[in-house]
C-alpha atoms as a PDB file:
ATOM      1  CA  MET A   1     117.572 160.881 100.556  1.00  0.00           C
ATOM      2  CA  LEU A   2     118.671 158.129 102.930  1.00  0.00           C
ATOM      3  CA  LEU A   3     122.410 157.594 102.612  1.00  0.00           C
ATOM      4  CA  ARG A   4     124.473 155.353 104.835  1.00  0.00           C
ATOM      5  CA  ARG A   5     127.349 157.015 106.602  1.00  0.00           C
ATOM      6  CA  CYS A   6     130.906 155.902 106.113  1.00  0.00           C
ATOM      7  CA  TYR A   7     132.816 155.478 109.319  1.00  0.00           C
ATOM      8  CA  ARG A   8     136.545 156.248 109.539  1.00  0.00           C
ATOM      9  CA  LYS A   9     136.458 157.438 105.939  1.00  0.00           C
ATOM     10  CA  ARG A  10     135.912 153.866 104.753  1.00  0.00           C
ATOM     11  CA  CYS A  11     132.669 152.559 103.365  1.00  0.00           C
ATOM     12  CA  GLY A  12     131.771 148.915 103.447  1.00  0.00           C
ATOM     13  CA  ILE A  13     130.550 147.209 100.312  1.00  0.00           C
ATOM     14  CA  TYR A  14     127.101 146.839 101.879  1.00  0.00           C
ATOM     15  CA  ALA A  15     126.842 150.578 102.622  1.00  0.00           C
ATOM     16  CA  VAL A  16     127.904 151.419  99.072  1.00  0.00           C
ATOM     17  CA  SER A  17     125.318 149.004  97.701  1.00  0.00           C
ATOM     18  CA  GLN A  18     122.602 150.518  99.871  1.00  0.00           C
ATOM     19  CA  ASN A  19     123.547 154.046  98.819  1.00  0.00           C
ATOM     20  CA  ILE A  20     123.391 153.136  95.136  1.00  0.00           C
ATOM     21  CA  SER A  21     120.064 151.404  95.709  1.00  0.00           C
ATOM     22  CA  ALA A  22     118.735 154.571  97.369  1.00  0.00           C
ATOM     23  CA  LEU A  23     119.849 156.564  94.344  1.00  0.00           C
ATOM     24  CA  GLU A  24     118.033 154.174  92.008  1.00  0.00           C
ATOM     25  CA  THR A  25     114.892 154.528  94.109  1.00  0.00           C
ATOM     26  CA  GLU A  26     115.063 158.299  93.905  1.00  0.00           C
ATOM     27  CA  VAL A  27     115.583 158.218  90.142  1.00  0.00           C
ATOM     28  CA  GLY A  28     112.555 155.943  89.860  1.00  0.00           C
ATOM     29  CA  ALA A  29     110.503 158.304  92.013  1.00  0.00           C
ATOM     30  CA  GLY A  30     111.551 161.256  89.865  1.00  0.00           C
ATOM     31  CA  THR A  31     113.226 163.211  92.675  1.00  0.00           C
ATOM     32  CA  LEU A  32     116.695 162.851  91.154  1.00  0.00           C
ATOM     33  CA  ASP A  33     117.850 162.873  87.542  1.00  0.00           C
ATOM     34  CA  SER A  34     119.879 159.947  86.238  1.00  0.00           C
ATOM     35  CA  ASP A  35     123.013 161.956  85.408  1.00  0.00           C
ATOM     36  CA  THR A  36     123.302 163.223  88.979  1.00  0.00           C
ATOM     37  CA  ALA A  37     122.619 159.729  90.287  1.00  0.00           C
ATOM     38  CA  LEU A  38     125.370 158.292  88.073  1.00  0.00           C
ATOM     39  CA  THR A  39     127.838 160.891  89.286  1.00  0.00           C
ATOM     40  CA  MET A  40     126.955 160.180  92.920  1.00  0.00           C
ATOM     41  CA  ALA A  41     127.131 156.409  92.338  1.00  0.00           C
ATOM     42  CA  ASP A  42     130.598 156.781  90.816  1.00  0.00           C
ATOM     43  CA  GLY A  43     131.638 158.639  93.957  1.00  0.00           C
ATOM     44  CA  PHE A  44     130.332 155.830  96.164  1.00  0.00           C
ATOM     45  CA  ILE A  45     132.096 153.197  94.072  1.00  0.00           C
ATOM     46  CA  ALA A  46     135.350 155.174  94.193  1.00  0.00           C
ATOM     47  CA  SER A  47     135.201 155.132  98.003  1.00  0.00           C
ATOM     48  CA  VAL A  48     135.543 151.339  98.103  1.00  0.00           C
ATOM     49  CA  GLN A  49     139.041 150.246  99.076  1.00  0.00           C
ATOM     50  CA  PRO A  50     140.958 147.826  96.794  1.00  0.00           C
ATOM     51  CA  SER A  51     141.252 145.344  99.662  1.00  0.00           C
ATOM     52  CA  GLN A  52     137.469 145.299  99.978  1.00  0.00           C
ATOM     53  CA  THR A  53     136.964 144.506  96.309  1.00  0.00           C
ATOM     54  CA  LEU A  54     139.658 141.827  96.455  1.00  0.00           C
ATOM     55  CA  THR A  55     137.959 140.249  99.479  1.00  0.00           C
ATOM     56  CA  LEU A  56     134.582 140.353  97.749  1.00  0.00           C
ATOM     57  CA  ARG A  57     135.949 138.822  94.558  1.00  0.00           C
ATOM     58  CA  ALA A  58     137.828 136.116  96.451  1.00  0.00           C
ATOM     59  CA  GLY A  59     134.677 135.302  98.398  1.00  0.00           C
ATOM     60  CA  MET A  60     132.665 135.085  95.203  1.00  0.00           C
ATOM     61  CA  VAL A  61     135.158 132.624  93.717  1.00  0.00           C
ATOM     62  CA  PHE A  62     136.578 130.574  96.585  1.00  0.00           C
ATOM     63  CA  VAL A  63     133.533 130.036  98.827  1.00  0.00           C
ATOM     64  CA  PRO A  64     131.473 128.393  96.045  1.00  0.00           C
ATOM     65  CA  LEU A  65     134.529 126.486  94.811  1.00  0.00           C
ATOM     66  CA  ILE A  66     135.247 125.065  98.248  1.00  0.00           C
ATOM     67  CA  THR A  67     131.613 124.095  98.834  1.00  0.00           C
ATOM     68  CA  ILE A  68     131.404 122.396  95.426  1.00  0.00           C
ATOM     69  CA  ILE A  69     134.574 120.409  96.125  1.00  0.00           C
ATOM     70  CA  LEU A  70     133.331 119.513  99.606  1.00  0.00           C
ATOM     71  CA  ALA A  71     129.973 118.366  98.200  1.00  0.00           C
ATOM     72  CA  TYR A  72     131.750 116.261  95.582  1.00  0.00           C
ATOM     73  CA  VAL A  73     133.958 114.595  98.196  1.00  0.00           C
ATOM     74  CA  ILE A  74     130.966 113.854 100.449  1.00  0.00           C
ATOM     75  CA  ILE A  75     128.968 112.396  97.575  1.00  0.00           C
ATOM     76  CA  ARG A  76     131.865 110.226  96.398  1.00  0.00           C
ATOM     77  CA  LYS A  77     132.595 108.882  99.893  1.00  0.00           C
ATOM     78  CA  LYS A  78     129.157 108.590 101.484  1.00  0.00           C
ATOM     79  CA  TYR A  79     126.670 107.893  98.713  1.00  0.00           C
ATOM     80  CA  LYS A  80     127.719 104.745  96.950  1.00  0.00           C
ATOM     81  CA  ILE A  81     125.120 102.636  95.227  1.00  0.00           C
ATOM     82  CA  ASP A  82     126.288  99.124  94.441  1.00  0.00           C
ATOM     83  CA  GLU A  83     124.309  96.377  92.700  1.00  0.00           C
ATOM     84  CA  LYS A  84     122.686  95.183  95.914  1.00  0.00           C
ATOM     85  CA  GLU A  85     121.582  98.681  96.939  1.00  0.00           C
ATOM     86  CA  TYR A  86     120.345  99.417  93.418  1.00  0.00           C
ATOM     87  CA  GLU A  87     118.182  96.302  93.392  1.00  0.00           C
ATOM     88  CA  ARG A  88     116.745  97.202  96.805  1.00  0.00           C
ATOM     89  CA  ILE A  89     115.852 100.716  95.613  1.00  0.00           C
ATOM     90  CA  VAL A  90     114.247  99.420  92.411  1.00  0.00           C
ATOM     91  CA  LYS A  91     112.259  96.831  94.362  1.00  0.00           C
ATOM     92  CA  GLU A  92     111.105  99.491  96.837  1.00  0.00           C
ATOM     93  CA  LEU A  93     109.971 101.844  94.078  1.00  0.00           C
ATOM     94  CA  SER A  94     108.022  99.229  92.117  1.00  0.00           C
END
């Protein structure tokens, strides 16, 4: 079983994810039963610090939100199609 080590008694989210993935692989291969895998996975999840989950959740909410707002602002300011531009595009396409 390949399990990532936790340094300084703290596991990163990525290491926890990889450990759980390794457990799923072993269950699929038949070398580990699902109840044991669930117990081990719960242990990995419990090792994640609250600040890590808060950071992950904030990243999952605020990074997409900021990029959507930024894209909206860019589109509103830079990509304006007036009557003249519309006619030129229609003429070019036909």
